[in-house]
Amino acid sequence: MARQVSYFYQGTKKTIAFSFSQHFDIYEAVAAAEGVDLTSFWAMEKQLEMTSRGQGIMKNYRANEFDRMGFSEIRFIKDEEQEK
């Protein structure tokens, strides 16, 4: 069964199909679906990765940046939810 991702973009709830063969993670998938360029985001993320020790910094950066871009509540839809 194909995976689906649910998210809000600028106040509108959206659902897209997701495949790991096409995207690295769900953040990349939702950005691609909305046509958001992640070039500067990836550059900063790489710098943070080289200088930080913990995963908490990376998760906070990603969450804050995607909030700033207009995304919220990005998550996989569980199988039980898809059947409804």
PDB file of N, CA and C in Angstrom:
ATOM      1  N   MET A   1       0.833  -1.182   0.000  1.00  0.00           N
ATOM      2  CA  MET A   1       0.000   0.000   0.000  1.00  0.00           C
ATOM      3  C   MET A   1       0.880   1.249   0.000  1.00  0.00           C
ATOM      4  N   ALA A   2       0.555   2.217  -0.820  1.00  0.00           N
ATOM      5  CA  ALA A   2       1.324   3.450  -0.921  1.00  0.00           C
ATOM      6  C   ALA A   2       1.166   4.287   0.340  1.00  0.00           C
ATOM      7  N   ARG A   3       2.224   4.978   0.682  1.00  0.00           N
ATOM      8  CA  ARG A   3       2.168   5.862   1.842  1.00  0.00           C
ATOM      9  C   ARG A   3       1.602   7.202   1.419  1.00  0.00           C
ATOM     10  N   GLN A   4       0.977   7.855   2.370  1.00  0.00           N
ATOM     11  CA  GLN A   4       0.472   9.198   2.122  1.00  0.00           C
ATOM     12  C   GLN A   4       0.940  10.125   3.234  1.00  0.00           C
ATOM     13  N   VAL A   5       1.123  11.377   2.871  1.00  0.00           N
ATOM     14  CA  VAL A   5       1.554  12.398   3.813  1.00  0.00           C
ATOM     15  C   VAL A   5       0.480  13.468   3.872  1.00  0.00           C
ATOM     16  N   SER A   6       0.153  13.863   5.084  1.00  0.00           N
ATOM     17  CA  SER A   6      -0.815  14.933   5.302  1.00  0.00           C
ATOM     18  C   SER A   6      -0.072  16.134   5.870  1.00  0.00           C
ATOM     19  N   TYR A   7      -0.456  17.337   5.429  1.00  0.00           N
ATOM     20  CA  TYR A   7       0.188  18.551   5.935  1.00  0.00           C
ATOM     21  C   TYR A   7      -0.707  19.748   5.684  1.00  0.00           C
ATOM     22  N   PHE A   8      -0.416  20.823   6.369  1.00  0.00           N
ATOM     23  CA  PHE A   8      -1.070  22.099   6.118  1.00  0.00           C
ATOM     24  C   PHE A   8      -0.044  23.010   5.465  1.00  0.00           C
ATOM     25  N   TYR A   9      -0.443  23.664   4.391  1.00  0.00           N
ATOM     26  CA  TYR A   9       0.423  24.647   3.743  1.00  0.00           C
ATOM     27  C   TYR A   9      -0.355  25.946   3.630  1.00  0.00           C
ATOM     28  N   GLN A  10       0.128  26.948   4.322  1.00  0.00           N
ATOM     29  CA  GLN A  10      -0.509  28.266   4.380  1.00  0.00           C
ATOM     30  C   GLN A  10      -1.990  28.145   4.731  1.00  0.00           C
ATOM     31  N   GLY A  11      -2.282  27.299   5.729  1.00  0.00           N
ATOM     32  CA  GLY A  11      -3.639  27.166   6.246  1.00  0.00           C
ATOM     33  C   GLY A  11      -4.541  26.193   5.507  1.00  0.00           C
ATOM     34  N   THR A  12      -4.069  25.577   4.434  1.00  0.00           N
ATOM     35  CA  THR A  12      -4.873  24.637   3.664  1.00  0.00           C
ATOM     36  C   THR A  12      -4.354  23.226   3.887  1.00  0.00           C
ATOM     37  N   LYS A  13      -5.249  22.304   4.264  1.00  0.00           N
ATOM     38  CA  LYS A  13      -4.847  20.916   4.481  1.00  0.00           C
ATOM     39  C   LYS A  13      -4.712  20.211   3.142  1.00  0.00           C
ATOM     40  N   LYS A  14      -3.604  19.477   2.985  1.00  0.00           N
ATOM     41  CA  LYS A  14      -3.341  18.767   1.742  1.00  0.00           C
ATOM     42  C   LYS A  14      -2.828  17.364   2.044  1.00  0.00           C
ATOM     43  N   THR A  15      -3.013  16.469   1.094  1.00  0.00           N
ATOM     44  CA  THR A  15      -2.530  15.096   1.202  1.00  0.00           C
ATOM     45  C   THR A  15      -1.857  14.726  -0.110  1.00  0.00           C
ATOM     46  N   ILE A  16      -0.678  14.122  -0.010  1.00  0.00           N
ATOM     47  CA  ILE A  16       0.059  13.696  -1.201  1.00  0.00           C
ATOM     48  C   ILE A  16       0.522  12.248  -1.041  1.00  0.00           C
ATOM     49  N   ALA A  17       0.785  11.594  -2.159  1.00  0.00           N
ATOM     50  CA  ALA A  17       1.386  10.258  -2.146  1.00  0.00           C
ATOM     51  C   ALA A  17       2.879  10.423  -1.873  1.00  0.00           C
ATOM     52  N   PHE A  18       3.447   9.447  -1.192  1.00  0.00           N
ATOM     53  CA  PHE A  18       4.865   9.522  -0.825  1.00  0.00           C
ATOM     54  C   PHE A  18       5.564   8.212  -1.148  1.00  0.00           C
ATOM     55  N   SER A  19       6.779   8.324  -1.676  1.00  0.00           N
ATOM     56  CA  SER A  19       7.601   7.154  -1.959  1.00  0.00           C
ATOM     57  C   SER A  19       9.059   7.496  -1.636  1.00  0.00           C
ATOM     58  N   PHE A  20       9.729   6.597  -0.905  1.00  0.00           N
ATOM     59  CA  PHE A  20      11.137   6.818  -0.584  1.00  0.00           C
ATOM     60  C   PHE A  20      12.011   6.739  -1.829  1.00  0.00           C
ATOM     61  N   SER A  21      11.541   6.152  -2.897  1.00  0.00           N
ATOM     62  CA  SER A  21      12.320   6.102  -4.135  1.00  0.00           C
ATOM     63  C   SER A  21      12.369   7.469  -4.819  1.00  0.00           C
ATOM     64  N   GLN A  22      11.417   8.339  -4.503  1.00  0.00           N
ATOM     65  CA  GLN A  22      11.378   9.665  -5.114  1.00  0.00           C
ATOM     66  C   GLN A  22      11.907  10.766  -4.201  1.00  0.00           C
ATOM     67  N   HIS A  23      11.726  10.609  -2.886  1.00  0.00           N
ATOM     68  CA  HIS A  23      12.112  11.661  -1.945  1.00  0.00           C
ATOM     69  C   HIS A  23      12.852  11.063  -0.757  1.00  0.00           C
ATOM     70  N   PHE A  24      13.774  11.857  -0.213  1.00  0.00           N
ATOM     71  CA  PHE A  24      14.571  11.439   0.931  1.00  0.00           C
ATOM     72  C   PHE A  24      13.727  11.351   2.201  1.00  0.00           C
ATOM     73  N   ASP A  25      12.850  12.324   2.394  1.00  0.00           N
ATOM     74  CA  ASP A  25      11.981  12.324   3.572  1.00  0.00           C
ATOM     75  C   ASP A  25      10.694  13.087   3.265  1.00  0.00           C
ATOM     76  N   ILE A  26       9.786  13.136   4.244  1.00  0.00           N
ATOM     77  CA  ILE A  26       8.486  13.762   3.994  1.00  0.00           C
ATOM     78  C   ILE A  26       8.606  15.274   3.830  1.00  0.00           C
ATOM     79  N   TYR A  27       9.622  15.882   4.443  1.00  0.00           N
ATOM     80  CA  TYR A  27       9.810  17.327   4.293  1.00  0.00           C
ATOM     81  C   TYR A  27      10.166  17.679   2.860  1.00  0.00           C
ATOM     82  N   GLU A  28      11.053  16.913   2.274  1.00  0.00           N
ATOM     83  CA  GLU A  28      11.428  17.127   0.874  1.00  0.00           C
ATOM     84  C   GLU A  28      10.219  16.918  -0.042  1.00  0.00           C
ATOM     85  N   ALA A  29       9.392  15.926   0.277  1.00  0.00           N
ATOM     86  CA  ALA A  29       8.226  15.623  -0.552  1.00  0.00           C
ATOM     87  C   ALA A  29       7.208  16.761  -0.532  1.00  0.00           C
ATOM     88  N   VAL A  30       6.911  17.307   0.653  1.00  0.00           N
ATOM     89  CA  VAL A  30       5.922  18.385   0.717  1.00  0.00           C
ATOM     90  C   VAL A  30       6.449  19.662   0.077  1.00  0.00           C
ATOM     91  N   ALA A  31       7.739  19.920   0.219  1.00  0.00           N
ATOM     92  CA  ALA A  31       8.329  21.099  -0.426  1.00  0.00           C
ATOM     93  C   ALA A  31       8.255  20.955  -1.948  1.00  0.00           C
ATOM     94  N   ALA A  32       8.545  19.770  -2.466  1.00  0.00           N
ATOM     95  CA  ALA A  32       8.469  19.538  -3.911  1.00  0.00           C
ATOM     96  C   ALA A  32       7.035  19.678  -4.406  1.00  0.00           C
ATOM     97  N   ALA A  33       6.082  19.192  -3.623  1.00  0.00           N
ATOM     98  CA  ALA A  33       4.673  19.290  -4.021  1.00  0.00           C
ATOM     99  C   ALA A  33       4.211  20.730  -4.122  1.00  0.00           C
ATOM    100  N   GLU A  34       4.787  21.598  -3.305  1.00  0.00           N
ATOM    101  CA  GLU A  34       4.390  23.014  -3.319  1.00  0.00           C
ATOM    102  C   GLU A  34       5.337  23.893  -4.131  1.00  0.00           C
ATOM    103  N   GLY A  35       6.370  23.298  -4.711  1.00  0.00           N
ATOM    104  CA  GLY A  35       7.298  24.056  -5.548  1.00  0.00           C
ATOM    105  C   GLY A  35       8.252  24.949  -4.772  1.00  0.00           C
ATOM    106  N   VAL A  36       8.558  24.577  -3.534  1.00  0.00           N
ATOM    107  CA  VAL A  36       9.460  25.361  -2.689  1.00  0.00           C
ATOM    108  C   VAL A  36      10.897  24.913  -2.939  1.00  0.00           C
ATOM    109  N   ASP A  37      11.787  25.865  -3.217  1.00  0.00           N
ATOM    110  CA  ASP A  37      13.199  25.581  -3.455  1.00  0.00           C
ATOM    111  C   ASP A  37      13.915  25.415  -2.115  1.00  0.00           C
ATOM    112  N   LEU A  38      14.549  24.279  -1.904  1.00  0.00           N
ATOM    113  CA  LEU A  38      15.211  23.982  -0.628  1.00  0.00           C
ATOM    114  C   LEU A  38      16.731  24.140  -0.687  1.00  0.00           C
ATOM    115  N   THR A  39      17.268  24.764  -1.711  1.00  0.00           N
ATOM    116  CA  THR A  39      18.714  24.872  -1.871  1.00  0.00           C
ATOM    117  C   THR A  39      19.378  25.550  -0.680  1.00  0.00           C
ATOM    118  N   SER A  40      18.893  26.713  -0.271  1.00  0.00           N
ATOM    119  CA  SER A  40      19.503  27.416   0.867  1.00  0.00           C
ATOM    120  C   SER A  40      19.247  26.678   2.178  1.00  0.00           C
ATOM    121  N   PHE A  41      18.086  26.029   2.291  1.00  0.00           N
ATOM    122  CA  PHE A  41      17.773  25.236   3.480  1.00  0.00           C
ATOM    123  C   PHE A  41      18.778  24.111   3.637  1.00  0.00           C
ATOM    124  N   TRP A  42      19.074  23.382   2.548  1.00  0.00           N
ATOM    125  CA  TRP A  42      20.023  22.270   2.610  1.00  0.00           C
ATOM    126  C   TRP A  42      21.433  22.748   2.943  1.00  0.00           C
ATOM    127  N   ALA A  43      21.815  23.912   2.406  1.00  0.00           N
ATOM    128  CA  ALA A  43      23.150  24.453   2.690  1.00  0.00           C
ATOM    129  C   ALA A  43      23.291  24.755   4.180  1.00  0.00           C
ATOM    130  N   MET A  44      22.288  25.396   4.761  1.00  0.00           N
ATOM    131  CA  MET A  44      22.339  25.710   6.188  1.00  0.00           C
ATOM    132  C   MET A  44      22.270  24.440   7.029  1.00  0.00           C
ATOM    133  N   GLU A  45      21.454  23.490   6.617  1.00  0.00           N
ATOM    134  CA  GLU A  45      21.341  22.230   7.344  1.00  0.00           C
ATOM    135  C   GLU A  45      22.691  21.493   7.352  1.00  0.00           C
ATOM    136  N   LYS A  46      23.396  21.538   6.239  1.00  0.00           N
ATOM    137  CA  LYS A  46      24.704  20.888   6.160  1.00  0.00           C
ATOM    138  C   LYS A  46      25.704  21.562   7.098  1.00  0.00           C
ATOM    139  N   GLN A  47      25.660  22.894   7.174  1.00  0.00           N
ATOM    140  CA  GLN A  47      26.545  23.609   8.083  1.00  0.00           C
ATOM    141  C   GLN A  47      26.234  23.275   9.540  1.00  0.00           C
ATOM    142  N   LEU A  48      24.957  23.226   9.869  1.00  0.00           N
ATOM    143  CA  LEU A  48      24.565  22.868  11.227  1.00  0.00           C
ATOM    144  C   LEU A  48      24.991  21.445  11.572  1.00  0.00           C
ATOM    145  N   GLU A  49      24.855  20.559  10.618  1.00  0.00           N
ATOM    146  CA  GLU A  49      25.228  19.161  10.831  1.00  0.00           C
ATOM    147  C   GLU A  49      26.718  19.036  11.140  1.00  0.00           C
ATOM    148  N   MET A  50      27.538  19.845  10.486  1.00  0.00           N
ATOM    149  CA  MET A  50      28.983  19.781  10.700  1.00  0.00           C
ATOM    150  C   MET A  50      29.397  20.390  12.035  1.00  0.00           C
ATOM    151  N   THR A  51      28.619  21.340  12.541  1.00  0.00           N
ATOM    152  CA  THR A  51      29.023  22.038  13.757  1.00  0.00           C
ATOM    153  C   THR A  51      28.281  21.592  15.017  1.00  0.00           C
ATOM    154  N   SER A  52      27.150  20.915  14.879  1.00  0.00           N
ATOM    155  CA  SER A  52      26.374  20.530  16.062  1.00  0.00           C
ATOM    156  C   SER A  52      26.657  19.087  16.451  1.00  0.00           C
ATOM    157  N   ARG A  53      26.396  18.785  17.712  1.00  0.00           N
ATOM    158  CA  ARG A  53      26.657  17.438  18.208  1.00  0.00           C
ATOM    159  C   ARG A  53      25.389  16.615  18.336  1.00  0.00           C
ATOM    160  N   GLY A  54      24.266  17.236  18.609  1.00  0.00           N
ATOM    161  CA  GLY A  54      23.045  16.485  18.870  1.00  0.00           C
ATOM    162  C   GLY A  54      22.021  16.593  17.760  1.00  0.00           C
ATOM    163  N   GLN A  55      21.126  15.620  17.721  1.00  0.00           N
ATOM    164  CA  GLN A  55      20.054  15.623  16.725  1.00  0.00           C
ATOM    165  C   GLN A  55      18.988  16.663  17.061  1.00  0.00           C
ATOM    166  N   GLY A  56      18.887  17.070  18.298  1.00  0.00           N
ATOM    167  CA  GLY A  56      17.875  18.033  18.695  1.00  0.00           C
ATOM    168  C   GLY A  56      17.985  19.347  17.945  1.00  0.00           C
ATOM    169  N   ILE A  57      19.189  19.785  17.702  1.00  0.00           N
ATOM    170  CA  ILE A  57      19.409  21.032  16.972  1.00  0.00           C
ATOM    171  C   ILE A  57      18.888  20.906  15.546  1.00  0.00           C
ATOM    172  N   MET A  58      19.160  19.782  14.921  1.00  0.00           N
ATOM    173  CA  MET A  58      18.721  19.569  13.544  1.00  0.00           C
ATOM    174  C   MET A  58      17.190  19.513  13.463  1.00  0.00           C
ATOM    175  N   LYS A  59      16.565  18.802  14.392  1.00  0.00           N
ATOM    176  CA  LYS A  59      15.108  18.700  14.390  1.00  0.00           C
ATOM    177  C   LYS A  59      14.468  20.063  14.623  1.00  0.00           C
ATOM    178  N   ASN A  60      15.017  20.838  15.547  1.00  0.00           N
ATOM    179  CA  ASN A  60      14.480  22.176  15.819  1.00  0.00           C
ATOM    180  C   ASN A  60      14.643  23.092  14.621  1.00  0.00           C
ATOM    181  N   TYR A  61      15.795  23.044  13.978  1.00  0.00           N
ATOM    182  CA  TYR A  61      16.028  23.870  12.799  1.00  0.00           C
ATOM    183  C   TYR A  61      15.030  23.527  11.699  1.00  0.00           C
ATOM    184  N   ARG A  62      14.885  22.230  11.435  1.00  0.00           N
ATOM    185  CA  ARG A  62      13.967  21.789  10.380  1.00  0.00           C
ATOM    186  C   ARG A  62      12.532  22.217  10.691  1.00  0.00           C
ATOM    187  N   ALA A  63      12.083  22.002  11.909  1.00  0.00           N
ATOM    188  CA  ALA A  63      10.717  22.366  12.293  1.00  0.00           C
ATOM    189  C   ALA A  63      10.499  23.879  12.180  1.00  0.00           C
ATOM    190  N   ASN A  64      11.448  24.662  12.654  1.00  0.00           N
ATOM    191  CA  ASN A  64      11.316  26.123  12.595  1.00  0.00           C
ATOM    192  C   ASN A  64      11.327  26.647  11.164  1.00  0.00           C
ATOM    193  N   GLU A  65      12.198  26.110  10.338  1.00  0.00           N
ATOM    194  CA  GLU A  65      12.276  26.572   8.946  1.00  0.00           C
ATOM    195  C   GLU A  65      11.018  26.212   8.156  1.00  0.00           C
ATOM    196  N   PHE A  66      10.504  25.017   8.358  1.00  0.00           N
ATOM    197  CA  PHE A  66       9.297  24.633   7.623  1.00  0.00           C
ATOM    198  C   PHE A  66       8.080  25.413   8.134  1.00  0.00           C
ATOM    199  N   ASP A  67       8.059  25.760   9.417  1.00  0.00           N
ATOM    200  CA  ASP A  67       7.012  26.654   9.922  1.00  0.00           C
ATOM    201  C   ASP A  67       7.120  28.014   9.239  1.00  0.00           C
ATOM    202  N   ARG A  68       8.342  28.518   9.117  1.00  0.00           N
ATOM    203  CA  ARG A  68       8.574  29.813   8.476  1.00  0.00           C
ATOM    204  C   ARG A  68       8.149  29.795   7.010  1.00  0.00           C
ATOM    205  N   MET A  69       8.325  28.650   6.340  1.00  0.00           N
ATOM    206  CA  MET A  69       7.935  28.512   4.930  1.00  0.00           C
ATOM    207  C   MET A  69       6.422  28.366   4.757  1.00  0.00           C
ATOM    208  N   GLY A  70       5.693  28.147   5.853  1.00  0.00           N
ATOM    209  CA  GLY A  70       4.239  28.044   5.765  1.00  0.00           C
ATOM    210  C   GLY A  70       3.689  26.647   5.946  1.00  0.00           C
ATOM    211  N   PHE A  71       4.539  25.679   6.293  1.00  0.00           N
ATOM    212  CA  PHE A  71       4.110  24.295   6.494  1.00  0.00           C
ATOM    213  C   PHE A  71       3.838  24.042   7.978  1.00  0.00           C
ATOM    214  N   SER A  72       2.886  23.152   8.242  1.00  0.00           N
ATOM    215  CA  SER A  72       2.655  22.711   9.612  1.00  0.00           C
ATOM    216  C   SER A  72       2.012  21.329   9.601  1.00  0.00           C
ATOM    217  N   GLU A  73       2.095  20.655  10.727  1.00  0.00           N
ATOM    218  CA  GLU A  73       1.480  19.340  10.932  1.00  0.00           C
ATOM    219  C   GLU A  73       1.828  18.348   9.814  1.00  0.00           C
ATOM    220  N   ILE A  74       3.094  18.260   9.473  1.00  0.00           N
ATOM    221  CA  ILE A  74       3.555  17.319   8.443  1.00  0.00           C
ATOM    222  C   ILE A  74       3.674  15.944   9.089  1.00  0.00           C
ATOM    223  N   ARG A  75       2.956  14.960   8.526  1.00  0.00           N
ATOM    224  CA  ARG A  75       2.987  13.615   9.118  1.00  0.00           C
ATOM    225  C   ARG A  75       2.508  12.576   8.124  1.00  0.00           C
ATOM    226  N   PHE A  76       2.931  11.328   8.380  1.00  0.00           N
ATOM    227  CA  PHE A  76       2.422  10.207   7.608  1.00  0.00           C
ATOM    228  C   PHE A  76       0.992   9.925   8.047  1.00  0.00           C
ATOM    229  N   ILE A  77       0.153   9.498   7.105  1.00  0.00           N
ATOM    230  CA  ILE A  77      -1.205   9.074   7.433  1.00  0.00           C
ATOM    231  C   ILE A  77      -1.153   7.587   7.743  1.00  0.00           C
ATOM    232  N   LYS A  78      -1.693   7.204   8.883  1.00  0.00           N
ATOM    233  CA  LYS A  78      -1.715   5.796   9.282  1.00  0.00           C
ATOM    234  C   LYS A  78      -2.712   5.034   8.423  1.00  0.00           C
ATOM    235  N   ASP A  79      -2.501   3.731   8.303  1.00  0.00           N
ATOM    236  CA  ASP A  79      -3.380   2.878   7.492  1.00  0.00           C
ATOM    237  C   ASP A  79      -4.837   2.973   7.927  1.00  0.00           C
ATOM    238  N   GLU A  80      -5.062   3.060   9.241  1.00  0.00           N
ATOM    239  CA  GLU A  80      -6.440   3.141   9.750  1.00  0.00           C
ATOM    240  C   GLU A  80      -7.125   4.422   9.266  1.00  0.00           C
ATOM    241  N   GLU A  81      -6.377   5.492   9.144  1.00  0.00           N
ATOM    242  CA  GLU A  81      -6.940   6.767   8.700  1.00  0.00           C
ATOM    243  C   GLU A  81      -7.278   6.743   7.207  1.00  0.00           C
ATOM    244  N   GLN A  82      -6.501   6.017   6.408  1.00  0.00           N
ATOM    245  CA  GLN A  82      -6.712   5.968   4.964  1.00  0.00           C
ATOM    246  C   GLN A  82      -8.008   5.250   4.614  1.00  0.00           C
ATOM    247  N   GLU A  83      -8.416   4.311   5.418  1.00  0.00           N
ATOM    248  CA  GLU A  83      -9.605   3.509   5.120  1.00  0.00           C
ATOM    249  C   GLU A  83     -10.890   4.298   5.349  1.00  0.00           C
ATOM    250  N   LYS A  84     -10.831   5.381   6.093  1.00  0.00           N
ATOM    251  CA  LYS A  84     -12.039   6.168   6.400  1.00  0.00           C
ATOM    252  C   LYS A  84     -12.465   7.010   5.226  1.00  0.00           C
TER     253      LYS A  84
END
